[in-house]
Protein backbone atom coordinates (compact mmCIF):
# COMPACT_ATOMS: atom_id res chain seq x y z
CA MET A 1 -0.33 0.10 0.34
CA LYS A 2 2.60 2.42 0.84
CA ASN A 3 3.80 4.29 -2.47
CA THR A 4 7.19 6.44 -1.83
CA ASP A 5 7.70 6.84 -5.49
CA ASN A 6 8.10 10.44 -5.95
CA THR A 7 7.14 10.24 -9.79
CA ALA A 8 3.70 8.79 -8.70
CA PRO A 9 1.25 11.89 -8.39
CA LEU A 10 0.98 13.36 -4.72
CA ALA A 11 -3.09 11.75 -4.75
CA ASP A 12 -1.26 8.36 -4.92
CA ARG A 13 1.65 9.13 -3.14
CA LEU A 14 -0.48 10.20 0.48
CA ARG A 15 -3.30 7.53 0.02
CA PRO A 16 -3.95 6.27 3.42
CA THR A 17 -2.29 3.48 4.73
CA THR A 18 -4.46 2.64 7.88
CA PHE A 19 -8.09 3.63 8.25
CA ASP A 20 -6.86 5.86 10.95
CA GLU A 21 -5.71 8.04 8.49
CA VAL A 22 -9.25 7.99 6.44
CA LEU A 23 -10.60 11.65 6.62
CA GLY A 24 -14.36 11.70 6.27
CA GLN A 25 -15.64 8.55 6.44
CA ASP A 26 -15.57 7.66 10.48
CA HIS A 27 -18.88 6.25 10.27
CA LEU A 28 -17.86 3.34 8.20
CA VAL A 29 -14.35 2.67 9.15
CA GLY A 30 -14.00 4.39 12.52
CA PRO A 31 -13.47 2.32 15.98
CA GLY A 32 -16.96 0.59 16.69
CA LYS A 33 -18.01 0.74 12.78
CA VAL A 34 -19.78 -1.28 10.34
CA LEU A 35 -16.50 -2.01 7.97
CA ARG A 36 -13.84 -2.40 10.99
CA LYS A 37 -16.19 -4.64 13.10
CA ALA A 38 -16.22 -6.90 9.98
CA LEU A 39 -12.62 -7.06 10.20
CA GLU A 40 -12.47 -7.86 13.21
CA ASN A 41 -15.19 -10.30 13.59
CA ASN A 42 -14.16 -11.87 10.50
CA SER A 43 -17.25 -11.44 8.77
CA LEU A 44 -16.65 -9.61 5.72
CA GLN A 45 -19.73 -9.79 2.94
CA SER A 46 -19.82 -8.41 -0.58
CA PHE A 47 -20.17 -4.52 -0.48
CA ILE A 48 -20.74 -1.41 -2.38
CA LEU A 49 -19.03 2.13 -1.81
CA TRP A 50 -21.31 4.82 -2.90
CA GLY A 51 -19.96 8.60 -2.79
CA PRO A 52 -18.76 11.22 -5.10
CA PRO A 53 -15.26 11.70 -6.72
CA GLY A 54 -12.47 11.50 -4.35
CA THR A 55 -13.51 10.47 -0.75
CA GLY A 56 -11.63 7.11 -0.12
CA LYS A 57 -13.61 4.54 -2.51
CA THR A 58 -10.79 2.83 -3.78
CA THR A 59 -8.43 3.36 -0.94
CA ILE A 60 -11.16 1.51 1.69
CA ALA A 61 -11.32 -1.24 -0.80
CA GLN A 62 -7.04 -1.42 -0.17
CA LEU A 63 -7.45 -1.75 3.00
CA MET A 64 -10.30 -4.30 3.86
CA ALA A 65 -8.10 -6.52 1.47
CA GLN A 66 -4.68 -5.90 3.60
CA HIS A 67 -6.41 -6.08 7.25
CA ALA A 68 -8.33 -9.30 5.83
CA ASN A 69 -5.13 -10.53 4.34
CA CYS A 70 -7.15 -11.15 1.32
CA TYR A 71 -5.61 -11.08 -2.43
CA PHE A 72 -6.81 -8.30 -3.80
CA VAL A 73 -7.85 -7.89 -7.62
CA LYS A 74 -8.64 -4.22 -8.91
CA PHE A 75 -11.12 -4.22 -11.68
CA SER A 76 -12.12 -1.13 -14.14
CA ALA A 77 -15.30 -1.53 -15.63
CA VAL A 78 -14.47 0.91 -18.16
CA THR A 79 -11.60 -0.95 -19.58
CA SER A 80 -12.77 -4.76 -19.09
CA GLY A 81 -15.48 -7.07 -20.20
CA ILE A 82 -16.96 -10.41 -19.52
CA LYS A 83 -13.81 -11.81 -20.51
CA GLU A 84 -11.76 -10.46 -18.20
CA VAL A 85 -14.24 -11.17 -15.36
CA LYS A 86 -13.74 -15.21 -16.35
CA GLU A 87 -10.17 -15.03 -16.47
CA VAL A 88 -10.02 -13.04 -12.60
CA MET A 89 -12.76 -15.13 -11.24
CA LYS A 90 -10.89 -18.76 -12.27
CA SER A 91 -7.34 -17.02 -10.81
CA ALA A 92 -9.75 -15.95 -7.55
CA GLU A 93 -11.33 -20.06 -7.28
CA GLU A 94 -7.38 -21.11 -7.69
CA GLN A 95 -6.37 -18.96 -4.45
CA LEU A 96 -9.14 -20.45 -2.50
CA ALA A 97 -8.36 -23.79 -3.51
CA PHE A 98 -4.40 -23.87 -3.49
CA PHE A 99 -3.91 -21.31 -0.78
CA LYS A 100 -6.99 -21.32 1.06
CA ARG A 101 -6.82 -17.48 0.66
CA LYS A 102 -9.98 -15.43 -0.42
CA THR A 103 -9.87 -12.75 -2.97
CA ILE A 104 -11.11 -9.19 -2.38
CA LEU A 105 -12.47 -8.19 -6.10
CA PHE A 106 -12.87 -4.67 -6.19
CA VAL A 107 -14.56 -3.10 -9.44
CA ASP A 108 -14.53 0.29 -9.97
CA GLU A 109 -17.13 2.42 -11.64
CA ILE A 110 -19.62 -0.49 -11.64
CA HIS A 111 -21.92 1.54 -13.22
CA ARG A 112 -20.52 1.00 -16.20
CA PHE A 113 -21.18 -2.08 -16.70
CA ASN A 114 -24.00 -3.50 -18.61
CA LYS A 115 -26.61 -6.16 -16.69
CA SER A 116 -25.12 -9.30 -18.20
CA GLN A 117 -21.93 -8.48 -16.97
CA GLN A 118 -23.01 -7.53 -13.64
CA ASP A 119 -24.57 -10.82 -13.42
CA ALA A 120 -21.54 -12.45 -14.70
CA PHE A 121 -20.31 -11.81 -11.01
CA LEU A 122 -23.27 -13.48 -9.14
CA PRO A 123 -22.35 -17.12 -9.35
CA TYR A 124 -18.82 -16.55 -7.80
CA ILE A 125 -20.56 -13.87 -4.97
CA GLU A 126 -23.10 -17.16 -4.44
CA LYS A 127 -20.03 -19.52 -3.75
CA GLY A 128 -17.90 -17.13 -1.58
CA SER A 129 -15.39 -17.41 -4.47
CA ILE A 130 -15.31 -14.17 -3.92
CA ILE A 131 -15.88 -11.03 -1.83
CA PHE A 132 -17.18 -7.98 -4.13
CA ILE A 133 -15.92 -4.90 -3.22
CA GLY A 134 -18.08 -2.24 -6.67
CA ALA A 135 -17.69 1.44 -6.43
CA THR A 136 -19.70 4.31 -8.48
CA THR A 137 -20.56 7.65 -8.14
CA GLU A 138 -23.87 6.98 -9.16
CA ASN A 139 -27.38 6.22 -7.09
CA PRO A 140 -26.77 2.17 -7.14
CA SER A 141 -30.63 1.73 -6.95
CA PHE A 142 -30.49 3.12 -10.62
CA GLU A 143 -27.21 2.22 -12.32
CA VAL A 144 -26.76 -1.58 -10.05
CA ASN A 145 -29.35 -4.50 -11.08
CA SER A 146 -31.42 -5.67 -8.32
CA ALA A 147 -29.63 -9.27 -8.34
CA LEU A 148 -26.32 -7.26 -7.54
CA LEU A 149 -27.81 -5.43 -5.11
CA SER A 150 -29.81 -8.38 -2.88
CA ARG A 151 -25.89 -9.65 -2.63
CA CYS A 152 -24.67 -6.67 -1.20
CA GLN A 153 -24.95 -4.10 1.33
CA VAL A 154 -24.86 -0.37 0.05
CA TYR A 155 -22.66 2.04 1.81
CA THR A 156 -22.34 5.69 1.57
CA LEU A 157 -19.40 7.81 1.51
CA LYS A 158 -19.66 11.56 2.28
CA SER A 159 -17.75 14.17 0.73
CA LEU A 160 -15.23 15.48 2.61
CA THR A 161 -15.76 19.09 4.59
CA GLU A 162 -13.68 22.16 3.53
CA GLU A 163 -12.13 21.20 7.05
CA GLU A 164 -11.23 17.74 6.58
CA ILE A 165 -9.67 19.39 3.30
CA GLY A 166 -7.44 21.42 4.65
CA LYS A 167 -6.29 18.72 6.77
CA LEU A 168 -4.77 16.98 4.06
CA ILE A 169 -3.45 20.01 2.23
CA ASP A 170 -1.59 20.70 5.57
CA ARG A 171 -0.47 16.88 5.94
CA SER A 172 0.95 17.13 2.20
CA LEU A 173 2.80 20.35 2.66
CA ALA A 174 3.90 18.42 5.77
CA ASP A 175 4.81 14.81 5.12
CA LYS A 176 8.38 14.85 3.36
CA GLU A 177 8.34 11.17 2.86
CA LYS A 178 5.35 10.81 0.64
CA GLY A 179 4.27 14.40 0.51
CA LEU A 180 5.59 18.38 -0.18
CA GLY A 181 7.77 18.26 2.90
CA ASN A 182 10.86 18.78 1.39
CA ILE A 183 9.97 21.56 -0.87
CA PRO A 184 9.98 25.27 0.73
CA VAL A 185 6.49 25.95 0.23
CA GLN A 186 4.44 29.05 1.71
CA MET A 187 0.61 28.95 0.90
CA ASP A 188 -1.40 31.97 1.31
CA PRO A 189 -4.38 31.38 3.60
CA GLU A 190 -6.81 32.85 1.19
CA ALA A 191 -4.89 30.08 -1.33
CA ARG A 192 -5.37 27.39 1.05
CA ASP A 193 -8.99 28.09 1.75
CA PHE A 194 -10.36 28.54 -1.49
CA ILE A 195 -8.61 24.65 -3.00
CA CYS A 196 -10.81 23.98 0.31
CA ARG A 197 -13.86 25.66 -1.24
CA MET A 198 -14.02 24.99 -4.90
CA THR A 199 -12.69 21.48 -4.80
CA ASN A 200 -16.36 20.32 -3.65
CA GLY A 201 -15.25 17.76 -1.20
CA ASP A 202 -13.10 15.84 -3.49
CA ALA A 203 -9.76 14.89 -1.92
CA ARG A 204 -8.16 13.64 -5.36
CA SER A 205 -8.63 17.07 -6.91
CA ALA A 206 -7.90 18.88 -3.75
CA LEU A 207 -3.81 17.53 -3.73
CA ASN A 208 -4.23 17.65 -7.64
CA THR A 209 -4.41 21.25 -7.66
CA LEU A 210 -1.84 22.25 -5.02
CA GLU A 211 0.93 20.19 -6.72
CA LEU A 212 -0.01 21.73 -9.80
CA SER A 213 0.40 25.16 -7.89
CA ILE A 214 3.55 24.52 -6.51
CA THR A 215 4.60 23.49 -9.75
CA LEU A 216 3.68 26.58 -11.73
CA SER A 217 4.60 28.94 -8.67
CA ASP A 218 7.75 31.00 -8.89
CA THR A 219 10.74 30.55 -6.25
CA ASN A 220 11.67 33.86 -4.31
CA GLN A 221 14.60 35.27 -3.27
CA SER A 222 14.73 32.52 -0.56
CA GLY A 223 14.60 29.87 -2.32
CA ILE A 224 10.84 29.47 -1.19
CA LYS A 225 7.66 28.69 -3.36
CA VAL A 226 4.93 31.32 -3.17
CA ILE A 227 1.40 30.07 -3.78
CA ASN A 228 -1.10 32.92 -3.52
CA LYS A 229 -4.82 32.58 -4.79
CA GLU A 230 -4.24 34.04 -8.36
CA ILE A 231 -1.94 30.73 -8.86
CA VAL A 232 -4.21 28.21 -7.63
CA GLU A 233 -6.94 29.83 -9.72
CA ASP A 234 -4.69 29.16 -12.90
CA ALA A 235 -4.03 25.62 -11.65
CA LEU A 236 -7.82 24.68 -10.73
CA GLN A 237 -8.91 26.51 -14.16
CA ARG A 238 -12.62 26.29 -12.80
CA LYS A 239 -14.59 24.55 -10.15
CA VAL A 240 -14.82 20.95 -9.88
CA ARG A 241 -18.23 20.38 -10.25
CA LEU A 242 -20.68 17.48 -8.75
CA TYR A 243 -23.10 17.47 -11.11
CA ASP A 244 -23.85 14.72 -13.71
CA LYS A 245 -26.18 15.72 -15.86
CA SER A 246 -27.26 12.02 -16.57
CA GLY A 247 -26.58 11.11 -13.11
CA GLU A 248 -29.06 11.24 -9.70
CA GLU A 249 -28.08 14.97 -9.06
CA HIS A 250 -29.42 15.98 -12.41
CA TYR A 251 -32.26 14.57 -10.54
CA ASN A 252 -31.82 16.16 -7.10
CA LEU A 253 -31.09 19.57 -8.48
CA ILE A 254 -34.02 19.36 -11.13
CA SER A 255 -36.16 18.43 -8.33
CA ALA A 256 -34.44 21.45 -5.99
CA LEU A 257 -35.40 24.14 -8.86
CA HIS A 258 -39.17 22.77 -9.13
CA LYS A 259 -39.78 23.08 -5.22
CA SER A 260 -37.90 26.24 -5.18
CA ILE A 261 -40.29 27.80 -7.94
CA ARG A 262 -43.65 26.17 -6.22
CA GLY A 263 -42.28 27.55 -3.12
CA SER A 264 -42.47 31.17 -4.26
CA ASP A 265 -38.40 31.25 -3.78
CA PRO A 266 -36.98 33.35 -6.94
CA ASP A 267 -33.62 33.25 -4.80
CA ALA A 268 -33.37 29.28 -4.83
CA ALA A 269 -34.87 29.06 -7.91
CA LEU A 270 -32.28 30.94 -9.79
CA TYR A 271 -29.32 29.40 -7.75
CA TRP A 272 -30.54 25.60 -8.80
CA MET A 273 -30.97 27.34 -12.36
CA ALA A 274 -27.02 28.27 -12.12
CA ARG A 275 -25.60 25.45 -11.05
CA MET A 276 -27.59 23.35 -13.44
CA LEU A 277 -26.37 25.77 -15.99
CA ASP A 278 -23.34 25.95 -14.75
CA GLY A 279 -22.73 21.89 -15.11
CA GLY A 280 -23.03 21.48 -18.41
CA GLU A 281 -27.13 21.11 -18.59
CA ASP A 282 -28.71 21.74 -21.96
CA PRO A 283 -30.99 25.12 -21.05
CA LEU A 284 -33.37 23.95 -23.48
CA TYR A 285 -34.28 20.87 -21.21
CA ILE A 286 -34.68 23.64 -18.08
CA ALA A 287 -36.79 25.90 -20.23
CA ARG A 288 -39.33 22.67 -20.88
CA ARG A 289 -39.39 22.09 -17.53
CA LEU A 290 -40.88 25.88 -16.73
CA VAL A 291 -42.85 25.51 -19.65
CA ARG A 292 -44.29 22.08 -17.58
CA PHE A 293 -44.29 23.81 -14.48
CA ALA A 294 -46.23 26.73 -15.83
CA SER A 295 -49.20 24.23 -16.24
CA GLU A 296 -48.99 22.16 -13.38
CA ASP A 297 -47.73 24.86 -10.56
CA VAL A 298 -49.28 28.11 -11.84
CA GLY A 299 -52.12 27.46 -14.30
CA ASN A 300 -54.97 30.00 -14.64
CA ALA A 301 -53.73 31.89 -11.46
CA ALA A 302 -51.91 33.19 -13.75
CA PRO A 303 -52.63 32.77 -17.47
CA ASN A 304 -49.68 34.85 -18.94
CA ALA A 305 -47.04 31.83 -17.04
CA LEU A 306 -47.50 29.54 -19.61
CA ALA A 307 -46.85 32.31 -22.52
CA VAL A 308 -43.65 33.46 -20.60
CA ALA A 309 -42.41 30.13 -20.57
CA ILE A 310 -42.75 29.36 -24.20
CA ALA A 311 -41.12 32.88 -24.78
CA ALA A 312 -38.04 32.42 -22.72
CA LYS A 313 -37.46 28.86 -24.55
CA GLU A 314 -38.07 30.16 -27.91
CA SER A 315 -35.14 33.32 -27.04
CA TYR A 316 -32.62 30.82 -26.01
CA GLU A 317 -33.59 29.24 -29.59
CA PHE A 318 -32.87 32.94 -31.11
CA LEU A 319 -30.21 33.68 -29.37
CA GLY A 320 -28.38 30.26 -28.20
CA HIS A 321 -25.59 30.58 -25.59
CA PRO A 322 -25.09 32.61 -23.18
CA GLU A 323 -27.40 35.27 -23.81
CA GLY A 324 -30.50 33.07 -24.17
CA GLU A 325 -30.00 31.94 -20.71
CA LEU A 326 -30.87 35.00 -19.07
CA ALA A 327 -34.50 34.83 -21.02
CA ILE A 328 -34.27 31.19 -18.87
CA ALA A 329 -34.02 32.78 -15.23
CA GLN A 330 -36.25 35.54 -16.21
CA ALA A 331 -39.40 33.24 -16.94
CA ALA A 332 -37.71 31.22 -13.40
CA VAL A 333 -38.00 34.41 -11.59
CA TYR A 334 -41.82 35.00 -13.08
CA LEU A 335 -42.96 31.50 -11.97
CA ALA A 336 -41.71 31.71 -8.51
CA CYS A 337 -43.47 35.00 -8.00
CA ALA A 338 -46.71 33.97 -10.03
CA PRO A 339 -49.72 33.46 -7.67
CA LYS A 340 -49.88 29.18 -7.65
CA SER A 341 -52.54 26.82 -7.81
CA ASN A 342 -52.52 23.22 -9.17
CA ALA A 343 -56.33 22.97 -9.98
CA ILE A 344 -55.38 22.15 -13.70
CA TYR A 345 -53.37 19.67 -12.84
CA GLN A 346 -55.90 18.12 -10.57
CA ALA A 347 -58.66 18.75 -13.00
CA TYR A 348 -56.59 16.63 -15.49
CA LYS A 349 -55.95 13.94 -13.09
CA LEU A 350 -59.69 13.28 -12.56
CA VAL A 351 -60.68 13.77 -15.91
CA MET A 352 -58.09 10.82 -17.08
CA ALA A 353 -59.09 8.69 -14.04
CA ASP A 354 -63.02 8.80 -15.40
CA VAL A 355 -61.41 8.35 -18.89
CA GLN A 356 -59.63 5.05 -17.87
CA ASN A 357 -62.30 4.10 -15.46
CA THR A 358 -65.61 4.64 -17.11
CA ARG A 359 -67.21 3.10 -20.23
CA ASP A 360 -66.67 5.61 -23.48
CA MET A 361 -70.59 7.00 -23.70
CA PRO A 362 -71.72 8.49 -26.56
CA VAL A 363 -71.60 12.16 -26.99
CA PRO A 364 -75.17 13.42 -26.48
CA MET A 365 -77.09 14.08 -29.70
CA HIS A 366 -77.55 17.74 -28.59
CA ILE A 367 -74.17 18.44 -29.09
CA ARG A 368 -73.51 16.69 -32.18
CA ASN A 369 -72.57 18.15 -35.24
CA ALA A 370 -74.83 17.50 -38.06
CA PRO A 371 -73.04 18.41 -41.65
CA THR A 372 -75.35 16.58 -43.72
CA GLN A 373 -79.33 16.42 -44.10
CA LEU A 374 -78.97 12.47 -43.13
CA MET A 375 -77.53 13.25 -39.46
CA LYS A 376 -79.93 16.30 -39.21
CA ASN A 377 -82.97 13.51 -39.54
CA MET A 378 -81.27 11.33 -37.33
CA GLY A 379 -81.54 13.74 -34.29
CA TYR A 380 -78.18 15.27 -34.42
CA GLY A 381 -77.84 18.44 -33.17
CA ASP A 382 -81.59 18.88 -32.44
CA GLY A 383 -82.02 21.04 -28.70
CA TYR A 384 -78.70 22.86 -28.69
CA LYS A 385 -78.92 25.83 -27.54
CA TYR A 386 -76.39 28.27 -28.98
CA ALA A 387 -75.22 29.98 -26.00
CA HIS A 388 -74.70 33.63 -27.63
CA ASP A 389 -78.60 33.81 -27.97
CA PHE A 390 -78.98 34.31 -24.50
CA GLU A 391 -78.14 36.92 -22.29
CA GLY A 392 -74.65 37.19 -20.72
CA HIS A 393 -73.81 34.24 -23.25
CA PHE A 394 -74.35 31.82 -21.11
CA ILE A 395 -77.46 29.17 -21.16
CA GLU A 396 -77.92 25.84 -18.41
CA GLN A 397 -76.95 23.24 -20.97
CA ASN A 398 -75.74 19.46 -20.27
CA TYR A 399 -72.55 18.52 -21.76
CA LEU A 400 -71.71 15.47 -20.51
CA PRO A 401 -72.18 11.91 -20.99
CA ASP A 402 -75.13 10.86 -18.48
CA ASN A 403 -73.13 8.94 -16.46
CA ILE A 404 -71.02 11.60 -15.51
CA LYS A 405 -72.99 14.61 -16.09
CA TYR A 406 -72.17 15.91 -12.28
CA HIS A 407 -69.01 15.05 -11.72
CA VAL A 408 -67.07 18.34 -11.31
CA TYR A 409 -62.75 18.05 -12.39
CA TYR A 410 -61.61 22.06 -12.30
CA LYS A 411 -62.17 23.28 -9.05
CA PRO A 412 -60.27 26.76 -9.16
CA ASP A 413 -58.86 27.72 -5.46
CA GLY A 414 -59.02 31.25 -5.81
CA GLN A 415 -55.36 32.20 -6.23
CA GLY A 416 -54.50 35.20 -8.57
CA TYR A 417 -56.93 35.40 -11.72
CA GLU A 418 -58.44 32.31 -10.46
CA ALA A 419 -60.69 34.13 -8.30
CA ASP A 420 -62.18 35.82 -11.16
CA ILE A 421 -62.41 32.29 -12.99
CA MET A 422 -64.22 30.94 -9.44
CA LYS A 423 -66.47 33.81 -9.38
CA ARG A 424 -67.93 33.47 -12.98
CA LEU A 425 -67.75 29.64 -12.49
CA ASN A 426 -70.15 30.16 -9.05
CA HIS A 427 -72.25 32.64 -11.26
CA TRP A 428 -73.14 30.28 -13.58
CA LYS A 429 -73.88 27.29 -11.79
CA SER A 430 -76.37 29.59 -9.94
CA MET A 431 -78.05 29.90 -12.97
CA LYS A 432 -78.33 26.17 -13.48
CA ASN A 433 -82.06 24.27 -12.49
CA LYS A 434 -80.59 21.14 -11.94
CA LYS A 435 -79.44 20.45 -8.51
CA PRO A 436 -78.38 17.11 -7.90
CA ASP A 437 -77.93 15.67 -4.38
CA SER A 438 -74.17 15.63 -3.01
CA SER A 439 -73.68 11.65 -3.73
CA GLU A 440 -74.08 11.87 -7.30
CA ARG A 441 -71.18 14.63 -7.34
CA ASN A 442 -67.27 13.51 -7.57
CA GLN A 443 -65.13 15.43 -5.17
């Protein structure tokens, strides 16, 4: 495990050699915690490590193998296939048969294997030929098939805090054997804090940034490498992003955006929208979600909301990046500040339930069209009352099939413009003569 090769990357040289050196994951490998106890009790079972990049998944797997005295095989889902799986499994069975030694098979980026590739591990896990440890940055619920999940416990790793990243930087600068302790370095506190903040809890990225910053820095007259914030910015180029527009974080952020707008918080809406755009999300995806929101959560409380959302989408298509993104931001703020109503959304769910759960009744004769004489002779359109011929352009008349004629779907809740709609509907209701029992109305 120990790596004193000074040509290796700093992050590799400083890889922890004991559980006590692992930062941020005490809930798993701290004294008395689940993985540490599994080793002490010789009860190690197959598991999956799920967490952001640079949180110690590979390190923990290697330490588990070292302390369990197991043969360790690292397997990459990026470069390997079924053929390689079978070769490794054969080697694992030989280790068990001839040396009575179990194999820990560590599969990095397990989410990159398809279902059949993941299934290839199952018989060997069942037989006990291997202890399987998978690692993934993606939610296993979505990316790992159920058969493999049922045989593995999932452990979640946490992003390192800024304080923990700071400890890692200090440790690397002080370590003369594996770190940078032999290089005279003067790091401005502002530069240190910037690395801690901008690498988003990714230890590997923090150490890579530190190492490159030293390479880029000048040596002063005293022979000391001076690192300031500008040098770190040059080394980092851009903030390390946790956003993956095809993974779980995509759904987390769009959920946060949608709920912030629904909660009438324009500041949060702008923040989550900006996080998505900065992470590489397609602006038109966000625009489409805003169009949906305009109908689902604003509806007729602010009828212009749909027009604003559509205009934002068209503006982006017309202007492109980055100018068009301002129109999407405008729409997000407009929707967040608009009165809210989900009456249209609820009405649509009710009517679809009736459409799916009741028989298809014929259209009432009086509201059928009669373009031919034959149809007129059959009674199509008979008794239809033309609303514009009556006072207020309204006349009591049934437009639904008899089996659902008293069903009410749209129930405006009085927010924004829906207050006017509610008054109008109540006025028309008062003009109707039919007064069905309450048991005939749907709720």
